[in-house]
């Protein structure tokens, strides 16, 4: 069993491609530091309504095998990468 390492990133993303499907947000790809990462699997989505405006959180697995935690705040219309989980 491999050990997972967590890195806090807290950086804006240059581009996020999403699809709205069956009342869900599905992330397809992200552009981070001029590097295009294809999302292989959307793991989870949650909404933190204690913040105003609400914050949407996501965990996705990208084509490198890494798992990313992403955040989108409604009024700011900006995406961020919060954490990176490396195996």
PDB file of N, CA and C in Angstrom:
ATOM      1  N   UNK A   1       0.842  -1.177   0.000  1.00  0.00           N
ATOM      2  CA  UNK A   1       0.000   0.000   0.000  1.00  0.00           C
ATOM      3  C   UNK A   1       0.889   1.242   0.000  1.00  0.00           C
ATOM      4  N   UNK A   2       0.635   2.167  -0.913  1.00  0.00           N
ATOM      5  CA  UNK A   2       1.458   3.368  -0.996  1.00  0.00           C
ATOM      6  C   UNK A   2       0.935   4.449  -0.060  1.00  0.00           C
ATOM      7  N   UNK A   3       1.855   5.281   0.376  1.00  0.00           N
ATOM      8  CA  UNK A   3       1.515   6.376   1.277  1.00  0.00           C
ATOM      9  C   UNK A   3       1.102   7.600   0.465  1.00  0.00           C
ATOM     10  N   UNK A   4       0.076   8.290   0.935  1.00  0.00           N
ATOM     11  CA  UNK A   4      -0.414   9.486   0.252  1.00  0.00           C
ATOM     12  C   UNK A   4       0.142  10.715   0.953  1.00  0.00           C
ATOM     13  N   UNK A   5       0.668  11.643   0.163  1.00  0.00           N
ATOM     14  CA  UNK A   5       1.201  12.897   0.684  1.00  0.00           C
ATOM     15  C   UNK A   5       0.292  14.035   0.248  1.00  0.00           C
ATOM     16  N   UNK A   6      -0.009  14.935   1.162  1.00  0.00           N
ATOM     17  CA  UNK A   6      -0.872  16.080   0.884  1.00  0.00           C
ATOM     18  C   UNK A   6      -0.033  17.346   0.818  1.00  0.00           C
ATOM     19  N   UNK A   7      -0.252  18.123  -0.243  1.00  0.00           N
ATOM     20  CA  UNK A   7       0.404  19.427  -0.379  1.00  0.00           C
ATOM     21  C   UNK A   7      -0.669  20.499  -0.477  1.00  0.00           C
ATOM     22  N   UNK A   8      -0.551  21.536   0.325  1.00  0.00           N
ATOM     23  CA  UNK A   8      -1.465  22.677   0.213  1.00  0.00           C
ATOM     24  C   UNK A   8      -0.938  23.571  -0.900  1.00  0.00           C
ATOM     25  N   UNK A   9      -1.787  23.862  -1.879  1.00  0.00           N
ATOM     26  CA  UNK A   9      -1.388  24.639  -3.051  1.00  0.00           C
ATOM     27  C   UNK A   9      -1.947  26.058  -2.979  1.00  0.00           C
ATOM     28  N   UNK A  10      -3.265  26.208  -2.868  1.00  0.00           N
ATOM     29  CA  UNK A  10      -3.946  27.504  -2.773  1.00  0.00           C
ATOM     30  C   UNK A  10      -3.521  28.471  -3.878  1.00  0.00           C
ATOM     31  N   UNK A  11      -3.774  28.053  -5.132  1.00  0.00           N
ATOM     32  CA  UNK A  11      -3.438  28.881  -6.303  1.00  0.00           C
ATOM     33  C   UNK A  11      -4.632  28.951  -7.241  1.00  0.00           C
ATOM     34  N   UNK A  12      -4.760  30.063  -7.971  1.00  0.00           N
ATOM     35  CA  UNK A  12      -5.845  30.147  -8.956  1.00  0.00           C
ATOM     36  C   UNK A  12      -5.566  29.230 -10.147  1.00  0.00           C
ATOM     37  N   UNK A  13      -6.644  28.762 -10.754  1.00  0.00           N
ATOM     38  CA  UNK A  13      -6.538  27.977 -11.977  1.00  0.00           C
ATOM     39  C   UNK A  13      -6.769  28.904 -13.166  1.00  0.00           C
ATOM     40  N   UNK A  14      -6.058  28.642 -14.249  1.00  0.00           N
ATOM     41  CA  UNK A  14      -6.175  29.480 -15.440  1.00  0.00           C
ATOM     42  C   UNK A  14      -7.466  29.190 -16.207  1.00  0.00           C
ATOM     43  N   UNK A  15      -7.887  27.915 -16.183  1.00  0.00           N
ATOM     44  CA  UNK A  15      -9.079  27.522 -16.933  1.00  0.00           C
ATOM     45  C   UNK A  15      -9.637  26.238 -16.342  1.00  0.00           C
ATOM     46  N   UNK A  16     -10.954  26.155 -16.290  1.00  0.00           N
ATOM     47  CA  UNK A  16     -11.640  24.937 -15.867  1.00  0.00           C
ATOM     48  C   UNK A  16     -12.775  24.691 -16.852  1.00  0.00           C
ATOM     49  N   UNK A  17     -12.787  23.502 -17.425  1.00  0.00           N
ATOM     50  CA  UNK A  17     -13.858  23.124 -18.346  1.00  0.00           C
ATOM     51  C   UNK A  17     -14.808  22.200 -17.574  1.00  0.00           C
ATOM     52  N   UNK A  18     -16.092  22.593 -17.512  1.00  0.00           N
ATOM     53  CA  UNK A  18     -17.088  21.802 -16.791  1.00  0.00           C
ATOM     54  C   UNK A  18     -18.262  21.495 -17.706  1.00  0.00           C
ATOM     55  N   UNK A  19     -19.010  20.487 -17.294  1.00  0.00           N
ATOM     56  CA  UNK A  19     -20.254  20.138 -17.980  1.00  0.00           C
ATOM     57  C   UNK A  19     -21.318  20.015 -16.905  1.00  0.00           C
ATOM     58  N   UNK A  20     -22.480  20.600 -17.158  1.00  0.00           N
ATOM     59  CA  UNK A  20     -23.620  20.443 -16.269  1.00  0.00           C
ATOM     60  C   UNK A  20     -24.432  19.273 -16.802  1.00  0.00           C
ATOM     61  N   UNK A  21     -24.549  18.226 -15.973  1.00  0.00           N
ATOM     62  CA  UNK A  21     -25.175  16.984 -16.421  1.00  0.00           C
ATOM     63  C   UNK A  21     -26.023  16.420 -15.290  1.00  0.00           C
ATOM     64  N   UNK A  22     -27.312  16.230 -15.532  1.00  0.00           N
ATOM     65  CA  UNK A  22     -28.238  15.664 -14.538  1.00  0.00           C
ATOM     66  C   UNK A  22     -28.142  16.384 -13.198  1.00  0.00           C
ATOM     67  N   UNK A  23     -28.205  17.709 -13.232  1.00  0.00           N
ATOM     68  CA  UNK A  23     -28.136  18.558 -12.037  1.00  0.00           C
ATOM     69  C   UNK A  23     -26.822  18.426 -11.276  1.00  0.00           C
ATOM     70  N   UNK A  24     -25.772  18.041 -11.966  1.00  0.00           N
ATOM     71  CA  UNK A  24     -24.445  17.915 -11.360  1.00  0.00           C
ATOM     72  C   UNK A  24     -23.435  18.714 -12.164  1.00  0.00           C
ATOM     73  N   UNK A  25     -22.393  19.162 -11.483  1.00  0.00           N
ATOM     74  CA  UNK A  25     -21.264  19.807 -12.148  1.00  0.00           C
ATOM     75  C   UNK A  25     -20.196  18.736 -12.326  1.00  0.00           C
ATOM     76  N   UNK A  26     -19.823  18.474 -13.566  1.00  0.00           N
ATOM     77  CA  UNK A  26     -18.789  17.496 -13.872  1.00  0.00           C
ATOM     78  C   UNK A  26     -17.584  18.245 -14.440  1.00  0.00           C
ATOM     79  N   UNK A  27     -16.451  18.142 -13.777  1.00  0.00           N
ATOM     80  CA  UNK A  27     -15.234  18.817 -14.237  1.00  0.00           C
ATOM     81  C   UNK A  27     -14.552  17.921 -15.260  1.00  0.00           C
ATOM     82  N   UNK A  28     -14.238  18.487 -16.429  1.00  0.00           N
ATOM     83  CA  UNK A  28     -13.644  17.718 -17.524  1.00  0.00           C
ATOM     84  C   UNK A  28     -12.131  17.906 -17.616  1.00  0.00           C
ATOM     85  N   UNK A  29     -11.667  19.143 -17.422  1.00  0.00           N
ATOM     86  CA  UNK A  29     -10.224  19.410 -17.491  1.00  0.00           C
ATOM     87  C   UNK A  29      -9.917  20.715 -16.781  1.00  0.00           C
ATOM     88  N   UNK A  30      -8.634  20.869 -16.420  1.00  0.00           N
ATOM     89  CA  UNK A  30      -8.182  22.116 -15.812  1.00  0.00           C
ATOM     90  C   UNK A  30      -6.857  22.521 -16.437  1.00  0.00           C
ATOM     91  N   UNK A  31      -6.602  23.817 -16.426  1.00  0.00           N
ATOM     92  CA  UNK A  31      -5.327  24.357 -16.872  1.00  0.00           C
ATOM     93  C   UNK A  31      -4.686  25.017 -15.659  1.00  0.00           C
ATOM     94  N   UNK A  32      -3.531  24.462 -15.251  1.00  0.00           N
ATOM     95  CA  UNK A  32      -2.839  24.941 -14.060  1.00  0.00           C
ATOM     96  C   UNK A  32      -1.367  25.115 -14.394  1.00  0.00           C
ATOM     97  N   UNK A  33      -0.868  26.311 -14.198  1.00  0.00           N
ATOM     98  CA  UNK A  33       0.533  26.632 -14.528  1.00  0.00           C
ATOM     99  C   UNK A  33       0.869  26.246 -15.964  1.00  0.00           C
ATOM    100  N   UNK A  34      -0.026  26.601 -16.871  1.00  0.00           N
ATOM    101  CA  UNK A  34       0.127  26.337 -18.308  1.00  0.00           C
ATOM    102  C   UNK A  34       0.203  24.856 -18.649  1.00  0.00           C
ATOM    103  N   UNK A  35      -0.332  24.023 -17.754  1.00  0.00           N
ATOM    104  CA  UNK A  35      -0.330  22.573 -17.974  1.00  0.00           C
ATOM    105  C   UNK A  35      -1.777  22.079 -17.974  1.00  0.00           C
ATOM    106  N   UNK A  36      -2.181  21.440 -19.063  1.00  0.00           N
ATOM    107  CA  UNK A  36      -3.536  20.926 -19.196  1.00  0.00           C
ATOM    108  C   UNK A  36      -3.622  19.556 -18.541  1.00  0.00           C
ATOM    109  N   UNK A  37      -4.549  19.417 -17.605  1.00  0.00           N
ATOM    110  CA  UNK A  37      -4.775  18.150 -16.912  1.00  0.00           C
ATOM    111  C   UNK A  37      -6.186  17.673 -17.207  1.00  0.00           C
ATOM    112  N   UNK A  38      -6.295  16.473 -17.734  1.00  0.00           N
ATOM    113  CA  UNK A  38      -7.597  15.893 -18.048  1.00  0.00           C
ATOM    114  C   UNK A  38      -8.122  15.189 -16.797  1.00  0.00           C
ATOM    115  N   UNK A  39      -9.368  15.446 -16.455  1.00  0.00           N
ATOM    116  CA  UNK A  39      -9.984  14.815 -15.294  1.00  0.00           C
ATOM    117  C   UNK A  39     -10.480  13.428 -15.702  1.00  0.00           C
ATOM    118  N   UNK A  40      -9.969  12.428 -15.016  1.00  0.00           N
ATOM    119  CA  UNK A  40     -10.359  11.041 -15.281  1.00  0.00           C
ATOM    120  C   UNK A  40     -11.583  10.644 -14.469  1.00  0.00           C
ATOM    121  N   UNK A  41     -11.699  11.208 -13.236  1.00  0.00           N
ATOM    122  CA  UNK A  41     -12.820  10.830 -12.375  1.00  0.00           C
ATOM    123  C   UNK A  41     -13.162  11.975 -11.437  1.00  0.00           C
ATOM    124  N   UNK A  42     -14.447  12.288 -11.348  1.00  0.00           N
ATOM    125  CA  UNK A  42     -14.965  13.245 -10.363  1.00  0.00           C
ATOM    126  C   UNK A  42     -15.336  12.440  -9.129  1.00  0.00           C
ATOM    127  N   UNK A  43     -14.678  12.715  -8.007  1.00  0.00           N
ATOM    128  CA  UNK A  43     -14.912  11.931  -6.796  1.00  0.00           C
ATOM    129  C   UNK A  43     -16.029  12.500  -5.925  1.00  0.00           C
ATOM    130  N   UNK A  44     -15.939  13.772  -5.550  1.00  0.00           N
ATOM    131  CA  UNK A  44     -16.948  14.316  -4.638  1.00  0.00           C
ATOM    132  C   UNK A  44     -17.169  15.799  -4.885  1.00  0.00           C
ATOM    133  N   UNK A  45     -18.305  16.272  -4.395  1.00  0.00           N
ATOM    134  CA  UNK A  45     -18.686  17.672  -4.502  1.00  0.00           C
ATOM    135  C   UNK A  45     -19.431  18.039  -3.231  1.00  0.00           C
ATOM    136  N   UNK A  46     -19.096  19.173  -2.645  1.00  0.00           N
ATOM    137  CA  UNK A  46     -19.802  19.650  -1.462  1.00  0.00           C
ATOM    138  C   UNK A  46     -19.945  21.159  -1.555  1.00  0.00           C
ATOM    139  N   UNK A  47     -20.861  21.701  -0.768  1.00  0.00           N
ATOM    140  CA  UNK A  47     -21.105  23.140  -0.736  1.00  0.00           C
ATOM    141  C   UNK A  47     -20.994  23.615   0.706  1.00  0.00           C
ATOM    142  N   UNK A  48     -20.144  24.608   0.931  1.00  0.00           N
ATOM    143  CA  UNK A  48     -19.996  25.217   2.252  1.00  0.00           C
ATOM    144  C   UNK A  48     -20.849  26.482   2.271  1.00  0.00           C
ATOM    145  N   UNK A  49     -22.028  26.367   2.841  1.00  0.00           N
ATOM    146  CA  UNK A  49     -22.954  27.495   2.880  1.00  0.00           C
ATOM    147  C   UNK A  49     -22.713  28.406   4.085  1.00  0.00           C
ATOM    148  N   UNK A  50     -21.736  28.063   4.930  1.00  0.00           N
ATOM    149  CA  UNK A  50     -21.397  28.950   6.052  1.00  0.00           C
ATOM    150  C   UNK A  50     -20.648  30.178   5.553  1.00  0.00           C
ATOM    151  N   UNK A  51     -20.118  30.115   4.343  1.00  0.00           N
ATOM    152  CA  UNK A  51     -19.442  31.256   3.713  1.00  0.00           C
ATOM    153  C   UNK A  51     -20.424  31.981   2.814  1.00  0.00           C
ATOM    154  N   UNK A  52     -20.242  33.281   2.690  1.00  0.00           N
ATOM    155  CA  UNK A  52     -21.070  34.061   1.773  1.00  0.00           C
ATOM    156  C   UNK A  52     -20.175  34.829   0.826  1.00  0.00           C
ATOM    157  N   UNK A  53     -20.255  34.564  -0.448  1.00  0.00           N
ATOM    158  CA  UNK A  53     -21.123  33.598  -1.113  1.00  0.00           C
ATOM    159  C   UNK A  53     -20.650  32.155  -0.846  1.00  0.00           C
ATOM    160  N   UNK A  54     -21.536  31.176  -1.068  1.00  0.00           N
ATOM    161  CA  UNK A  54     -21.179  29.781  -0.820  1.00  0.00           C
ATOM    162  C   UNK A  54     -19.959  29.340  -1.645  1.00  0.00           C
ATOM    163  N   UNK A  55     -19.221  28.386  -1.071  1.00  0.00           N
ATOM    164  CA  UNK A  55     -18.028  27.824  -1.704  1.00  0.00           C
ATOM    165  C   UNK A  55     -18.332  26.386  -2.105  1.00  0.00           C
ATOM    166  N   UNK A  56     -18.055  26.059  -3.362  1.00  0.00           N
ATOM    167  CA  UNK A  56     -18.224  24.694  -3.865  1.00  0.00           C
ATOM    168  C   UNK A  56     -16.853  24.016  -3.832  1.00  0.00           C
ATOM    169  N   UNK A  57     -16.797  22.840  -3.250  1.00  0.00           N
ATOM    170  CA  UNK A  57     -15.556  22.076  -3.204  1.00  0.00           C
ATOM    171  C   UNK A  57     -15.694  20.802  -4.019  1.00  0.00           C
ATOM    172  N   UNK A  58     -14.599  20.381  -4.629  1.00  0.00           N
ATOM    173  CA  UNK A  58     -14.583  19.192  -5.482  1.00  0.00           C
ATOM    174  C   UNK A  58     -13.290  18.423  -5.254  1.00  0.00           C
ATOM    175  N   UNK A  59     -13.347  17.111  -5.359  1.00  0.00           N
ATOM    176  CA  UNK A  59     -12.133  16.317  -5.486  1.00  0.00           C
ATOM    177  C   UNK A  59     -12.224  15.563  -6.805  1.00  0.00           C
ATOM    178  N   UNK A  60     -11.124  15.616  -7.546  1.00  0.00           N
ATOM    179  CA  UNK A  60     -11.065  14.971  -8.857  1.00  0.00           C
ATOM    180  C   UNK A  60      -9.734  14.234  -8.992  1.00  0.00           C
ATOM    181  N   UNK A  61      -9.756  13.195  -9.809  1.00  0.00           N
ATOM    182  CA  UNK A  61      -8.528  12.477 -10.156  1.00  0.00           C
ATOM    183  C   UNK A  61      -8.163  12.855 -11.584  1.00  0.00           C
ATOM    184  N   UNK A  62      -6.917  13.267 -11.788  1.00  0.00           N
ATOM    185  CA  UNK A  62      -6.472  13.704 -13.114  1.00  0.00           C
ATOM    186  C   UNK A  62      -5.632  12.620 -13.781  1.00  0.00           C
ATOM    187  N   UNK A  63      -5.312  12.831 -15.051  1.00  0.00           N
ATOM    188  CA  UNK A  63      -4.623  11.824 -15.851  1.00  0.00           C
ATOM    189  C   UNK A  63      -3.217  11.481 -15.365  1.00  0.00           C
ATOM    190  N   UNK A  64      -2.661  12.236 -14.455  1.00  0.00           N
ATOM    191  CA  UNK A  64      -1.355  11.906 -13.864  1.00  0.00           C
ATOM    192  C   UNK A  64      -1.503  10.908 -12.716  1.00  0.00           C
ATOM    193  N   UNK A  65      -2.759  10.639 -12.295  1.00  0.00           N
ATOM    194  CA  UNK A  65      -3.017   9.767 -11.170  1.00  0.00           C
ATOM    195  C   UNK A  65      -3.152  10.513  -9.853  1.00  0.00           C
ATOM    196  N   UNK A  66      -2.873  11.813  -9.856  1.00  0.00           N
ATOM    197  CA  UNK A  66      -2.981  12.617  -8.642  1.00  0.00           C
ATOM    198  C   UNK A  66      -4.430  12.998  -8.387  1.00  0.00           C
ATOM    199  N   UNK A  67      -4.735  13.270  -7.130  1.00  0.00           N
ATOM    200  CA  UNK A  67      -6.064  13.728  -6.738  1.00  0.00           C
ATOM    201  C   UNK A  67      -5.944  15.183  -6.301  1.00  0.00           C
ATOM    202  N   UNK A  68      -6.838  16.012  -6.830  1.00  0.00           N
ATOM    203  CA  UNK A  68      -6.817  17.442  -6.554  1.00  0.00           C
ATOM    204  C   UNK A  68      -8.091  17.840  -5.817  1.00  0.00           C
ATOM    205  N   UNK A  69      -7.954  18.791  -4.919  1.00  0.00           N
ATOM    206  CA  UNK A  69      -9.120  19.410  -4.299  1.00  0.00           C
ATOM    207  C   UNK A  69      -9.252  20.795  -4.905  1.00  0.00           C
ATOM    208  N   UNK A  70     -10.394  21.067  -5.515  1.00  0.00           N
ATOM    209  CA  UNK A  70     -10.652  22.328  -6.194  1.00  0.00           C
ATOM    210  C   UNK A  70     -11.747  23.087  -5.465  1.00  0.00           C
ATOM    211  N   UNK A  71     -11.760  24.403  -5.646  1.00  0.00           N
ATOM    212  CA  UNK A  71     -12.792  25.229  -5.016  1.00  0.00           C
ATOM    213  C   UNK A  71     -13.273  26.286  -6.001  1.00  0.00           C
ATOM    214  N   UNK A  72     -14.574  26.553  -5.932  1.00  0.00           N
ATOM    215  CA  UNK A  72     -15.207  27.580  -6.754  1.00  0.00           C
ATOM    216  C   UNK A  72     -16.114  28.403  -5.843  1.00  0.00           C
ATOM    217  N   UNK A  73     -15.875  29.716  -5.786  1.00  0.00           N
ATOM    218  CA  UNK A  73     -16.742  30.587  -4.985  1.00  0.00           C
ATOM    219  C   UNK A  73     -17.671  31.327  -5.925  1.00  0.00           C
ATOM    220  N   UNK A  74     -18.967  31.211  -5.648  1.00  0.00           N
ATOM    221  CA  UNK A  74     -20.000  31.653  -6.588  1.00  0.00           C
ATOM    222  C   UNK A  74     -19.838  33.076  -7.095  1.00  0.00           C
ATOM    223  N   UNK A  75     -19.754  34.067  -6.259  1.00  0.00           N
ATOM    224  CA  UNK A  75     -19.743  35.455  -6.715  1.00  0.00           C
ATOM    225  C   UNK A  75     -18.423  35.856  -7.363  1.00  0.00           C
ATOM    226  N   UNK A  76     -17.344  35.175  -7.044  1.00  0.00           N
ATOM    227  CA  UNK A  76     -16.044  35.552  -7.585  1.00  0.00           C
ATOM    228  C   UNK A  76     -15.783  34.948  -8.959  1.00  0.00           C
ATOM    229  N   UNK A  77     -16.561  33.918  -9.314  1.00  0.00           N
ATOM    230  CA  UNK A  77     -16.430  33.246 -10.607  1.00  0.00           C
ATOM    231  C   UNK A  77     -14.987  32.843 -10.892  1.00  0.00           C
ATOM    232  N   UNK A  78     -14.295  32.405  -9.857  1.00  0.00           N
ATOM    233  CA  UNK A  78     -12.917  31.970 -10.025  1.00  0.00           C
ATOM    234  C   UNK A  78     -12.687  30.620  -9.373  1.00  0.00           C
ATOM    235  N   UNK A  79     -11.892  29.802 -10.032  1.00  0.00           N
ATOM    236  CA  UNK A  79     -11.557  28.476  -9.538  1.00  0.00           C
ATOM    237  C   UNK A  79     -10.165  28.496  -8.928  1.00  0.00           C
ATOM    238  N   UNK A  80      -9.968  27.679  -7.901  1.00  0.00           N
ATOM    239  CA  UNK A  80      -8.670  27.552  -7.237  1.00  0.00           C
ATOM    240  C   UNK A  80      -8.357  26.073  -7.031  1.00  0.00           C
ATOM    241  N   UNK A  81      -7.075  25.772  -7.036  1.00  0.00           N
ATOM    242  CA  UNK A  81      -6.637  24.452  -6.583  1.00  0.00           C
ATOM    243  C   UNK A  81      -6.203  24.619  -5.142  1.00  0.00           C
ATOM    244  N   UNK A  82      -6.844  23.901  -4.249  1.00  0.00           N
ATOM    245  CA  UNK A  82      -6.584  24.037  -2.806  1.00  0.00           C
ATOM    246  C   UNK A  82      -5.508  23.066  -2.347  1.00  0.00           C
ATOM    247  N   UNK A  83      -5.652  21.786  -2.720  1.00  0.00           N
ATOM    248  CA  UNK A  83      -4.720  20.762  -2.263  1.00  0.00           C
ATOM    249  C   UNK A  83      -4.421  19.773  -3.375  1.00  0.00           C
ATOM    250  N   UNK A  84      -3.260  19.140  -3.257  1.00  0.00           N
ATOM    251  CA  UNK A  84      -2.820  18.089  -4.174  1.00  0.00           C
ATOM    252  C   UNK A  84      -2.462  16.890  -3.326  1.00  0.00           C
ATOM    253  N   UNK A  85      -3.013  15.739  -3.681  1.00  0.00           N
ATOM    254  CA  UNK A  85      -2.717  14.494  -2.976  1.00  0.00           C
ATOM    255  C   UNK A  85      -1.899  13.598  -3.902  1.00  0.00           C
ATOM    256  N   UNK A  86      -0.655  13.320  -3.512  1.00  0.00           N
ATOM    257  CA  UNK A  86       0.277  12.528  -4.309  1.00  0.00           C
ATOM    258  C   UNK A  86       0.425  11.142  -3.718  1.00  0.00           C
ATOM    259  N   UNK A  87       0.540  10.150  -4.596  1.00  0.00           N
ATOM    260  CA  UNK A  87       0.785   8.787  -4.120  1.00  0.00           C
ATOM    261  C   UNK A  87       2.228   8.425  -4.299  1.00  0.00           C
TER     262      UNK A  87
END
